[in-house]
C-alpha atoms as a PDB file:
ATOM      1  CA  MET A   1     156.065 -40.241 118.512  1.00  0.00           C
ATOM      2  CA  HIS A   2     155.581 -44.399 118.834  1.00  0.00           C
ATOM      3  CA  ARG A   3     158.577 -47.275 119.266  1.00  0.00           C
ATOM      4  CA  SER A   4     158.395 -50.569 117.528  1.00  0.00           C
ATOM      5  CA  PHE A   5     158.275 -54.077 118.813  1.00  0.00           C
ATOM      6  CA  ARG A   6     161.880 -54.339 118.230  1.00  0.00           C
ATOM      7  CA  GLU A   7     162.442 -50.741 119.694  1.00  0.00           C
ATOM      8  CA  VAL A   8     160.845 -51.902 122.696  1.00  0.00           C
ATOM      9  CA  ILE A   9     163.564 -54.503 123.167  1.00  0.00           C
ATOM     10  CA  GLU A  10     166.590 -52.718 122.293  1.00  0.00           C
ATOM     11  CA  LEU A  11     165.552 -49.862 124.948  1.00  0.00           C
ATOM     12  CA  LEU A  12     164.631 -52.291 127.449  1.00  0.00           C
ATOM     13  CA  ASP A  13     168.020 -53.819 127.011  1.00  0.00           C
ATOM     14  CA  SER A  14     169.855 -50.565 126.603  1.00  0.00           C
ATOM     15  CA  GLN A  15     168.366 -49.554 130.303  1.00  0.00           C
ATOM     16  CA  GLY A  16     169.434 -53.151 131.657  1.00  0.00           C
ATOM     17  CA  LYS A  17     165.912 -54.216 132.051  1.00  0.00           C
ATOM     18  CA  LEU A  18     165.985 -57.191 129.527  1.00  0.00           C
ATOM     19  CA  VAL A  19     167.224 -60.345 131.519  1.00  0.00           C
ATOM     20  CA  ARG A  20     169.771 -62.411 128.819  1.00  0.00           C
ATOM     21  CA  LEU A  21     168.697 -66.315 129.604  1.00  0.00           C
ATOM     22  CA  THR A  22     171.616 -67.740 127.835  1.00  0.00           C
ATOM     23  CA  ASN A  23     171.412 -71.813 129.646  1.00  0.00           C
ATOM     24  CA  SER A  24     169.510 -74.698 127.906  1.00  0.00           C
ATOM     25  CA  VAL A  25     165.911 -74.583 129.025  1.00  0.00           C
ATOM     26  CA  ASN A  26     162.991 -77.428 128.747  1.00  0.00           C
ATOM     27  CA  PRO A  27     160.096 -75.732 126.716  1.00  0.00           C
ATOM     28  CA  LYS A  28     157.598 -77.885 128.951  1.00  0.00           C
ATOM     29  CA  TYR A  29     157.104 -76.460 132.286  1.00  0.00           C
ATOM     30  CA  GLU A  30     160.102 -75.289 132.631  1.00  0.00           C
ATOM     31  CA  MET A  31     160.239 -72.010 130.520  1.00  0.00           C
ATOM     32  CA  ALA A  32     157.165 -71.406 131.790  1.00  0.00           C
ATOM     33  CA  ALA A  33     158.052 -71.606 135.659  1.00  0.00           C
ATOM     34  CA  LEU A  34     160.641 -68.922 134.700  1.00  0.00           C
ATOM     35  CA  MET A  35     158.513 -66.936 132.782  1.00  0.00           C
ATOM     36  CA  LYS A  36     156.504 -66.332 136.076  1.00  0.00           C
ATOM     37  CA  THR A  37     159.384 -65.812 138.210  1.00  0.00           C
ATOM     38  CA  LEU A  38     160.726 -63.019 135.855  1.00  0.00           C
ATOM     39  CA  GLU A  39     157.007 -61.208 135.175  1.00  0.00           C
ATOM     40  CA  ASP A  40     156.047 -61.503 138.802  1.00  0.00           C
ATOM     41  CA  GLU A  41     159.795 -59.428 139.235  1.00  0.00           C
ATOM     42  CA  SER A  42     158.384 -56.914 135.597  1.00  0.00           C
ATOM     43  CA  LYS A  43     161.538 -58.407 134.201  1.00  0.00           C
ATOM     44  CA  ALA A  44     161.505 -58.593 129.917  1.00  0.00           C
ATOM     45  CA  PHE A  45     163.687 -61.295 128.646  1.00  0.00           C
ATOM     46  CA  ILE A  46     164.738 -63.165 126.252  1.00  0.00           C
ATOM     47  CA  PHE A  47     165.137 -67.159 126.055  1.00  0.00           C
ATOM     48  CA  GLU A  48     168.251 -67.574 123.799  1.00  0.00           C
ATOM     49  CA  ASN A  49     168.652 -71.204 123.710  1.00  0.00           C
ATOM     50  CA  VAL A  50     164.973 -73.061 123.911  1.00  0.00           C
ATOM     51  CA  GLN A  51     165.638 -77.054 123.648  1.00  0.00           C
ATOM     52  CA  ASN A  52     165.223 -78.078 120.109  1.00  0.00           C
ATOM     53  CA  SER A  53     164.527 -74.810 118.528  1.00  0.00           C
ATOM     54  CA  ASN A  54     166.792 -72.333 116.742  1.00  0.00           C
ATOM     55  CA  TYR A  55     164.457 -69.484 117.798  1.00  0.00           C
ATOM     56  CA  LYS A  56     165.129 -67.000 120.560  1.00  0.00           C
ATOM     57  CA  ALA A  57     161.504 -66.420 122.662  1.00  0.00           C
ATOM     58  CA  VAL A  58     160.874 -62.888 123.945  1.00  0.00           C
ATOM     59  CA  GLY A  59     158.708 -61.847 126.351  1.00  0.00           C
ATOM     60  CA  GLY A  60     157.695 -59.622 129.763  1.00  0.00           C
ATOM     61  CA  LEU A  61     157.355 -56.819 127.576  1.00  0.00           C
ATOM     62  CA  PHE A  62     154.201 -55.167 128.520  1.00  0.00           C
ATOM     63  CA  THR A  63     153.501 -56.689 131.085  1.00  0.00           C
ATOM     64  CA  SER A  64     152.893 -53.555 133.409  1.00  0.00           C
ATOM     65  CA  MET A  65     150.889 -50.281 132.365  1.00  0.00           C
ATOM     66  CA  GLY A  66     153.968 -48.187 133.179  1.00  0.00           C
ATOM     67  CA  ARG A  67     155.786 -50.302 130.187  1.00  0.00           C
ATOM     68  CA  TYR A  68     153.257 -48.719 127.638  1.00  0.00           C
ATOM     69  CA  GLY A  69     155.039 -45.614 128.098  1.00  0.00           C
ATOM     70  CA  LEU A  70     158.179 -47.247 126.217  1.00  0.00           C
ATOM     71  CA  ILE A  71     156.312 -47.402 122.936  1.00  0.00           C
ATOM     72  CA  PHE A  72     155.136 -43.460 123.433  1.00  0.00           C
ATOM     73  CA  ASN A  73     157.751 -41.592 125.705  1.00  0.00           C
ATOM     74  CA  GLU A  74     160.554 -40.247 123.818  1.00  0.00           C
ATOM     75  CA  ASP A  75     162.765 -40.156 127.037  1.00  0.00           C
ATOM     76  CA  GLY A  76     162.041 -43.703 127.290  1.00  0.00           C
ATOM     77  CA  SER A  77     160.520 -43.932 130.898  1.00  0.00           C
ATOM     78  CA  GLU A  78     157.920 -45.922 132.479  1.00  0.00           C
ATOM     79  CA  ASP A  79     154.890 -42.941 132.669  1.00  0.00           C
ATOM     80  CA  PHE A  80     152.029 -44.587 131.864  1.00  0.00           C
ATOM     81  CA  THR A  81     148.473 -45.405 133.284  1.00  0.00           C
ATOM     82  CA  TYR A  82     145.310 -46.966 132.698  1.00  0.00           C
ATOM     83  CA  GLU A  83     143.651 -43.742 131.571  1.00  0.00           C
ATOM     84  CA  GLN A  84     146.460 -42.725 128.849  1.00  0.00           C
ATOM     85  CA  ALA A  85     145.993 -46.204 127.658  1.00  0.00           C
ATOM     86  CA  GLY A  86     142.523 -45.734 127.102  1.00  0.00           C
ATOM     87  CA  GLN A  87     142.513 -42.798 125.674  1.00  0.00           C
ATOM     88  CA  LYS A  88     144.807 -43.323 123.131  1.00  0.00           C
ATOM     89  CA  VAL A  89     142.831 -46.091 122.334  1.00  0.00           C
ATOM     90  CA  MET A  90     139.855 -43.831 122.105  1.00  0.00           C
ATOM     91  CA  SER A  91     142.172 -41.485 120.139  1.00  0.00           C
ATOM     92  CA  GLY A  92     142.299 -44.139 117.751  1.00  0.00           C
ATOM     93  CA  ILE A  93     138.837 -45.291 117.313  1.00  0.00           C
ATOM     94  CA  ALA A  94     138.043 -41.757 117.253  1.00  0.00           C
ATOM     95  CA  ASN A  95     140.454 -40.511 114.039  1.00  0.00           C
ATOM     96  CA  PRO A  96     141.505 -44.089 112.604  1.00  0.00           C
ATOM     97  CA  ILE A  97     144.180 -44.038 110.074  1.00  0.00           C
ATOM     98  CA  PRO A  98     143.386 -46.750 107.211  1.00  0.00           C
ATOM     99  CA  TYR A  99     146.640 -49.106 106.573  1.00  0.00           C
ATOM    100  CA  LYS A 100     149.181 -48.925 104.161  1.00  0.00           C
ATOM    101  CA  THR A 101     149.614 -51.762 101.855  1.00  0.00           C
ATOM    102  CA  ILE A 102     153.810 -51.811 100.413  1.00  0.00           C
ATOM    103  CA  GLU A 103     155.228 -54.522  98.518  1.00  0.00           C
ATOM    104  CA  GLU A 104     157.724 -56.299 101.262  1.00  0.00           C
ATOM    105  CA  GLY A 105     159.159 -55.580 104.945  1.00  0.00           C
ATOM    106  CA  HIS A 106     161.045 -57.516 107.315  1.00  0.00           C
ATOM    107  CA  VAL A 107     157.833 -60.152 107.384  1.00  0.00           C
ATOM    108  CA  THR A 108     158.872 -61.356 103.919  1.00  0.00           C
ATOM    109  CA  GLU A 109     162.398 -61.505 104.646  1.00  0.00           C
ATOM    110  CA  ARG A 110     161.814 -65.436 104.680  1.00  0.00           C
ATOM    111  CA  ILE A 111     158.533 -66.900 103.154  1.00  0.00           C
ATOM    112  CA  LEU A 112     158.553 -71.065 104.489  1.00  0.00           C
ATOM    113  CA  LYS A 113     156.134 -73.268 102.118  1.00  0.00           C
ATOM    114  CA  GLY A 114     155.174 -77.088 102.448  1.00  0.00           C
ATOM    115  CA  ASN A 115     157.364 -79.019 104.143  1.00  0.00           C
ATOM    116  CA  ASP A 116     159.677 -76.022 104.998  1.00  0.00           C
ATOM    117  CA  ILE A 117     157.006 -75.103 107.773  1.00  0.00           C
ATOM    118  CA  ASP A 118     157.619 -76.793 111.216  1.00  0.00           C
ATOM    119  CA  LEU A 119     155.697 -75.022 113.860  1.00  0.00           C
ATOM    120  CA  THR A 120     157.192 -77.911 115.859  1.00  0.00           C
ATOM    121  CA  LYS A 121     160.504 -75.283 115.891  1.00  0.00           C
ATOM    122  CA  LEU A 122     158.746 -72.746 117.634  1.00  0.00           C
ATOM    123  CA  PRO A 123     160.003 -72.277 121.595  1.00  0.00           C
ATOM    124  CA  ALA A 124     155.996 -72.189 121.877  1.00  0.00           C
ATOM    125  CA  PRO A 125     155.998 -73.179 126.294  1.00  0.00           C
ATOM    126  CA  THR A 126     153.750 -76.435 127.772  1.00  0.00           C
ATOM    127  CA  PHE A 127     152.396 -73.952 130.624  1.00  0.00           C
ATOM    128  CA  PHE A 128     150.762 -76.370 133.414  1.00  0.00           C
ATOM    129  CA  GLU A 129     150.638 -79.461 133.956  1.00  0.00           C
ATOM    130  CA  LEU A 130     146.764 -80.391 132.047  1.00  0.00           C
ATOM    131  CA  ASP A 131     147.577 -78.308 129.103  1.00  0.00           C
ATOM    132  CA  THR A 132     147.392 -80.198 126.311  1.00  0.00           C
ATOM    133  CA  GLY A 133     150.494 -78.863 124.845  1.00  0.00           C
ATOM    134  CA  PRO A 134     151.899 -75.824 123.817  1.00  0.00           C
ATOM    135  CA  PHE A 135     150.508 -73.125 123.166  1.00  0.00           C
ATOM    136  CA  LEU A 136     150.912 -69.525 121.313  1.00  0.00           C
ATOM    137  CA  THR A 137     149.541 -67.039 124.175  1.00  0.00           C
ATOM    138  CA  ALA A 138     150.478 -63.141 122.144  1.00  0.00           C
ATOM    139  CA  ALA A 139     149.521 -64.069 118.863  1.00  0.00           C
ATOM    140  CA  VAL A 140     146.877 -61.653 117.071  1.00  0.00           C
ATOM    141  CA  GLY A 141     144.519 -63.256 114.654  1.00  0.00           C
ATOM    142  CA  ILE A 142     143.930 -61.177 111.538  1.00  0.00           C
ATOM    143  CA  PHE A 143     140.889 -62.431 109.719  1.00  0.00           C
ATOM    144  CA  LYS A 144     138.055 -60.433 107.478  1.00  0.00           C
ATOM    145  CA  LYS A 145     135.009 -60.196 109.109  1.00  0.00           C
ATOM    146  CA  PRO A 146     131.210 -60.967 107.761  1.00  0.00           C
ATOM    147  CA  ASN A 147     130.768 -57.270 106.925  1.00  0.00           C
ATOM    148  CA  GLY A 148     134.342 -57.263 104.899  1.00  0.00           C
ATOM    149  CA  GLU A 149     136.069 -55.741 107.672  1.00  0.00           C
ATOM    150  CA  ILE A 150     139.623 -56.283 108.932  1.00  0.00           C
ATOM    151  CA  ASN A 151     139.388 -57.587 112.046  1.00  0.00           C
ATOM    152  CA  VAL A 152     142.344 -58.287 115.256  1.00  0.00           C
ATOM    153  CA  GLY A 153     142.216 -59.894 118.343  1.00  0.00           C
ATOM    154  CA  PHE A 154     144.435 -61.851 120.585  1.00  0.00           C
ATOM    155  CA  TYR A 155     143.393 -65.672 120.242  1.00  0.00           C
ATOM    156  CA  ARG A 156     145.245 -68.550 122.111  1.00  0.00           C
ATOM    157  CA  CYS A 157     146.573 -71.234 120.034  1.00  0.00           C
ATOM    158  CA  LEU A 158     147.925 -74.547 119.907  1.00  0.00           C
ATOM    159  CA  ILE A 159     150.493 -76.247 118.347  1.00  0.00           C
ATOM    160  CA  ILE A 160     149.122 -79.633 117.233  1.00  0.00           C
ATOM    161  CA  ASP A 161     152.117 -81.082 114.642  1.00  0.00           C
ATOM    162  CA  LYS A 162     154.563 -79.445 112.095  1.00  0.00           C
ATOM    163  CA  GLU A 163     151.467 -77.681 109.804  1.00  0.00           C
ATOM    164  CA  ASN A 164     148.834 -77.822 112.095  1.00  0.00           C
ATOM    165  CA  LEU A 165     147.220 -75.294 115.032  1.00  0.00           C
ATOM    166  CA  LEU A 166     144.346 -74.645 116.842  1.00  0.00           C
ATOM    167  CA  ILE A 167     143.154 -71.294 116.504  1.00  0.00           C
ATOM    168  CA  ASN A 168     140.424 -70.886 119.296  1.00  0.00           C
ATOM    169  CA  ALA A 169     137.863 -68.083 119.932  1.00  0.00           C
ATOM    170  CA  SER A 170     136.249 -67.443 122.828  1.00  0.00           C
ATOM    171  CA  GLY A 171     132.321 -67.112 123.422  1.00  0.00           C
ATOM    172  CA  LEU A 172     131.518 -63.812 122.543  1.00  0.00           C
ATOM    173  CA  SER A 173     134.388 -62.907 119.551  1.00  0.00           C
ATOM    174  CA  ASP A 174     134.522 -61.744 116.178  1.00  0.00           C
ATOM    175  CA  LEU A 175     136.112 -65.131 115.573  1.00  0.00           C
ATOM    176  CA  ARG A 176     133.654 -66.803 116.774  1.00  0.00           C
ATOM    177  CA  LYS A 177     131.239 -65.078 114.880  1.00  0.00           C
ATOM    178  CA  ALA A 178     133.066 -65.383 111.909  1.00  0.00           C
ATOM    179  CA  TYR A 179     134.001 -69.047 111.987  1.00  0.00           C
ATOM    180  CA  ALA A 180     129.766 -69.270 112.363  1.00  0.00           C
ATOM    181  CA  TRP A 181     129.253 -67.361 109.471  1.00  0.00           C
ATOM    182  CA  HIS A 182     132.049 -68.613 107.212  1.00  0.00           C
ATOM    183  CA  LYS A 183     130.301 -72.420 108.044  1.00  0.00           C
ATOM    184  CA  GLU A 184     126.667 -71.682 107.974  1.00  0.00           C
ATOM    185  CA  ASN A 185     127.325 -69.903 104.368  1.00  0.00           C
ATOM    186  CA  ASN A 186     130.312 -72.649 103.519  1.00  0.00           C
ATOM    187  CA  LYS A 187     132.895 -70.174 102.459  1.00  0.00           C
ATOM    188  CA  GLU A 188     136.114 -70.591 103.038  1.00  0.00           C
ATOM    189  CA  MET A 189     137.691 -68.971 106.318  1.00  0.00           C
ATOM    190  CA  ARG A 190     141.587 -68.052 106.697  1.00  0.00           C
ATOM    191  CA  VAL A 191     143.361 -66.627 109.304  1.00  0.00           C
ATOM    192  CA  ALA A 192     146.992 -64.915 109.536  1.00  0.00           C
ATOM    193  CA  MET A 193     148.473 -65.165 113.115  1.00  0.00           C
ATOM    194  CA  VAL A 194     150.714 -62.598 113.795  1.00  0.00           C
ATOM    195  CA  LEU A 195     153.457 -62.902 116.352  1.00  0.00           C
ATOM    196  CA  GLY A 196     155.370 -59.661 117.456  1.00  0.00           C
ATOM    197  CA  ALA A 197     152.741 -56.989 115.841  1.00  0.00           C
ATOM    198  CA  PRO A 198     153.158 -53.470 116.039  1.00  0.00           C
ATOM    199  CA  PRO A 199     152.936 -52.689 120.111  1.00  0.00           C
ATOM    200  CA  ALA A 200     149.918 -50.145 118.675  1.00  0.00           C
ATOM    201  CA  LEU A 201     148.134 -53.103 117.478  1.00  0.00           C
ATOM    202  CA  LEU A 202     148.652 -54.758 120.464  1.00  0.00           C
ATOM    203  CA  MET A 203     146.592 -52.290 122.179  1.00  0.00           C
ATOM    204  CA  ALA A 204     143.898 -52.311 119.424  1.00  0.00           C
ATOM    205  CA  ALA A 205     143.560 -55.720 119.392  1.00  0.00           C
ATOM    206  CA  ALA A 206     143.144 -56.139 123.243  1.00  0.00           C
ATOM    207  CA  SER A 207     140.471 -53.107 122.985  1.00  0.00           C
ATOM    208  CA  LYS A 208     137.186 -53.279 121.601  1.00  0.00           C
ATOM    209  CA  SER A 209     136.393 -51.489 118.563  1.00  0.00           C
ATOM    210  CA  PRO A 210     133.546 -50.509 116.297  1.00  0.00           C
ATOM    211  CA  ASP A 211     132.191 -53.236 113.682  1.00  0.00           C
ATOM    212  CA  GLU A 212     132.950 -50.745 111.117  1.00  0.00           C
ATOM    213  CA  ILE A 213     136.293 -49.613 112.333  1.00  0.00           C
ATOM    214  CA  SER A 214     139.233 -52.058 111.736  1.00  0.00           C
ATOM    215  CA  GLU A 215     142.104 -52.256 114.517  1.00  0.00           C
ATOM    216  CA  LEU A 216     144.657 -51.909 112.142  1.00  0.00           C
ATOM    217  CA  ASP A 217     143.194 -48.567 111.400  1.00  0.00           C
ATOM    218  CA  VAL A 218     142.921 -47.826 115.094  1.00  0.00           C
ATOM    219  CA  ALA A 219     146.524 -48.697 115.670  1.00  0.00           C
ATOM    220  CA  GLY A 220     147.451 -46.082 113.215  1.00  0.00           C
ATOM    221  CA  GLY A 221     145.462 -43.480 114.799  1.00  0.00           C
ATOM    222  CA  ILE A 222     147.004 -44.439 117.951  1.00  0.00           C
ATOM    223  CA  ASN A 223     150.514 -43.790 116.710  1.00  0.00           C
ATOM    224  CA  GLY A 224     149.789 -41.214 114.529  1.00  0.00           C
ATOM    225  CA  GLU A 225     150.445 -43.003 111.246  1.00  0.00           C
ATOM    226  CA  ALA A 226     149.457 -46.008 108.597  1.00  0.00           C
ATOM    227  CA  ILE A 227     150.726 -49.241 109.743  1.00  0.00           C
ATOM    228  CA  GLU A 228     152.213 -50.855 106.751  1.00  0.00           C
ATOM    229  CA  VAL A 229     151.433 -54.098 105.769  1.00  0.00           C
ATOM    230  CA  ILE A 230     151.843 -56.883 103.176  1.00  0.00           C
ATOM    231  CA  ALA A 231     149.373 -58.854 101.423  1.00  0.00           C
ATOM    232  CA  GLY A 232     149.556 -62.073 103.215  1.00  0.00           C
ATOM    233  CA  PRO A 233     151.265 -64.524  99.715  1.00  0.00           C
ATOM    234  CA  ASP A 234     148.477 -66.761 100.281  1.00  0.00           C
ATOM    235  CA  SER A 235     145.518 -65.383 102.378  1.00  0.00           C
ATOM    236  CA  GLY A 236     145.801 -61.575 100.652  1.00  0.00           C
ATOM    237  CA  LEU A 237     144.866 -60.640 104.611  1.00  0.00           C
ATOM    238  CA  PRO A 238     146.956 -57.590 105.330  1.00  0.00           C
ATOM    239  CA  ILE A 239     150.113 -58.475 107.595  1.00  0.00           C
ATOM    240  CA  PRO A 240     151.857 -55.724 109.656  1.00  0.00           C
ATOM    241  CA  ALA A 241     155.154 -55.014 107.361  1.00  0.00           C
ATOM    242  CA  ASP A 242     157.340 -55.361 110.699  1.00  0.00           C
ATOM    243  CA  CYS A 243     156.251 -57.909 112.810  1.00  0.00           C
ATOM    244  CA  GLU A 244     158.199 -60.758 113.542  1.00  0.00           C
ATOM    245  CA  MET A 245     156.868 -63.906 111.942  1.00  0.00           C
ATOM    246  CA  ALA A 246     153.244 -64.365 110.459  1.00  0.00           C
ATOM    247  CA  PHE A 247     151.664 -68.226 109.955  1.00  0.00           C
ATOM    248  CA  GLU A 248     148.371 -67.850 107.061  1.00  0.00           C
ATOM    249  CA  THR A 249     146.070 -70.692 107.424  1.00  0.00           C
ATOM    250  CA  ILE A 250     143.184 -72.142 105.945  1.00  0.00           C
ATOM    251  CA  VAL A 251     140.363 -73.219 108.672  1.00  0.00           C
ATOM    252  CA  ASP A 252     138.668 -76.921 108.620  1.00  0.00           C
ATOM    253  CA  LEU A 253     135.664 -75.455 110.452  1.00  0.00           C
ATOM    254  CA  ASP A 254     134.231 -79.335 110.428  1.00  0.00           C
ATOM    255  CA  ASN A 255     136.925 -80.306 112.049  1.00  0.00           C
ATOM    256  CA  MET A 256     136.836 -79.227 115.813  1.00  0.00           C
ATOM    257  CA  VAL A 257     139.137 -80.304 118.392  1.00  0.00           C
ATOM    258  CA  GLU A 258     138.484 -79.708 122.420  1.00  0.00           C
ATOM    259  CA  ASN A 259     141.724 -77.944 123.469  1.00  0.00           C
ATOM    260  CA  THR A 260     142.683 -77.023 127.167  1.00  0.00           C
ATOM    261  CA  LEU A 261     145.263 -74.174 128.911  1.00  0.00           C
ATOM    262  CA  GLY A 262     145.595 -73.188 132.594  1.00  0.00           C
ATOM    263  CA  GLU A 263     143.865 -69.622 132.683  1.00  0.00           C
ATOM    264  CA  PHE A 264     142.417 -66.931 134.946  1.00  0.00           C
ATOM    265  CA  GLY A 265     141.701 -67.257 138.474  1.00  0.00           C
ATOM    266  CA  ALA A 266     143.986 -70.716 138.864  1.00  0.00           C
ATOM    267  CA  GLN A 267     141.330 -72.640 136.375  1.00  0.00           C
ATOM    268  CA  TYR A 268     141.969 -75.009 133.079  1.00  0.00           C
ATOM    269  CA  GLY A 269     139.810 -73.178 130.505  1.00  0.00           C
ATOM    270  CA  THR A 270     138.976 -75.876 128.139  1.00  0.00           C
ATOM    271  CA  GLU A 271     137.103 -75.083 124.649  1.00  0.00           C
ATOM    272  CA  HIS A 272     136.652 -76.285 120.845  1.00  0.00           C
ATOM    273  CA  ALA A 273     138.904 -74.791 118.290  1.00  0.00           C
ATOM    274  CA  PRO A 274     138.986 -76.000 114.426  1.00  0.00           C
ATOM    275  CA  MET A 275     142.053 -77.304 113.204  1.00  0.00           C
ATOM    276  CA  CYS A 276     143.821 -74.788 111.132  1.00  0.00           C
ATOM    277  CA  LYS A 277     146.541 -75.912 108.217  1.00  0.00           C
ATOM    278  CA  VAL A 278     149.342 -73.110 108.056  1.00  0.00           C
ATOM    279  CA  THR A 279     149.803 -72.561 103.874  1.00  0.00           C
ATOM    280  CA  SER A 280     152.669 -70.077 104.489  1.00  0.00           C
ATOM    281  CA  MET A 281     154.938 -68.828 107.070  1.00  0.00           C
ATOM    282  CA  LEU A 282     156.378 -65.591 107.180  1.00  0.00           C
ATOM    283  CA  GLN A 283     159.370 -64.603 109.375  1.00  0.00           C
ATOM    284  CA  ARG A 284     162.429 -62.260 109.852  1.00  0.00           C
ATOM    285  CA  ASN A 285     165.619 -63.942 108.831  1.00  0.00           C
ATOM    286  CA  ASP A 286     166.520 -63.146 113.064  1.00  0.00           C
ATOM    287  CA  ALA A 287     162.710 -63.765 113.846  1.00  0.00           C
ATOM    288  CA  MET A 288     162.225 -63.673 117.512  1.00  0.00           C
ATOM    289  CA  PHE A 289     159.161 -65.969 119.082  1.00  0.00           C
ATOM    290  CA  TYR A 290     156.808 -63.842 121.510  1.00  0.00           C
ATOM    291  CA  THR A 291     155.313 -65.285 124.553  1.00  0.00           C
ATOM    292  CA  LEU A 292     152.938 -63.976 126.967  1.00  0.00           C
ATOM    293  CA  MET A 293     152.058 -66.208 130.425  1.00  0.00           C
ATOM    294  CA  ALA A 294     149.328 -68.007 130.217  1.00  0.00           C
ATOM    295  CA  GLY A 295     147.074 -68.319 133.503  1.00  0.00           C
ATOM    296  CA  ARG A 296     146.105 -65.624 135.821  1.00  0.00           C
ATOM    297  CA  ALA A 297     146.166 -61.683 135.159  1.00  0.00           C
ATOM    298  CA  LYS A 298     148.056 -59.469 137.091  1.00  0.00           C
ATOM    299  CA  GLU A 299     146.504 -56.625 138.572  1.00  0.00           C
END
């Protein structure tokens, strides 16, 4: 058995472990301060009224290892360990199940193009004083590696304006290698950023899979059934059909921009990332924005 992203939220709500914040919240600093407090108390949360946004922001879902039990335990108990998580991922790698493409899903309920795309309306927090701006911290990036395999990993993104964001790839990541290969070979690079992906895919994306196995297929192995995807209308990339929202982008590898986010060990991390233009925004009718507190990881 396994629960979807939405089902985990509903379960936490039914257990009284989901804090609903109905007051108006400023996404600049105030939201992050509240997120930090809530996550320190292991509370999941929904911001229902973020200034200048019509989206609800949800977070704190998997801030403790026990929470992963909510994905897999029939009784909805938070009974889960690092060892069990590791076993789930190893089992998914050993027995991957190829993802399955379907015609439509929740994420195709609304497809925005052109002037309808406005990233500045997302309830993305600006976390710390020296941050460059609002960041997506819980999005997974989906792209094709040079070997043709689909890769999924966590990559932080800075919102620049209505239709542009930076997608950061750290030094050793598969995305950094893919950026380099596409630039050297003068090939067009596309990345789909996904928020509210299936929980098993979040687990697979945070782990290291062998080069020849896609994290999408590892996630299928973790769940015991294929992850259903739709083909992105612009990129053709596989996008989880029941995720909250996704952004298809074209990457401009000739336009690298410096950006800073407060991160691990109370340091600020500055990186250079390419400017990425969003060509389509796919979302559920009632899409929620998924966010994670930036900064030091909890032990």
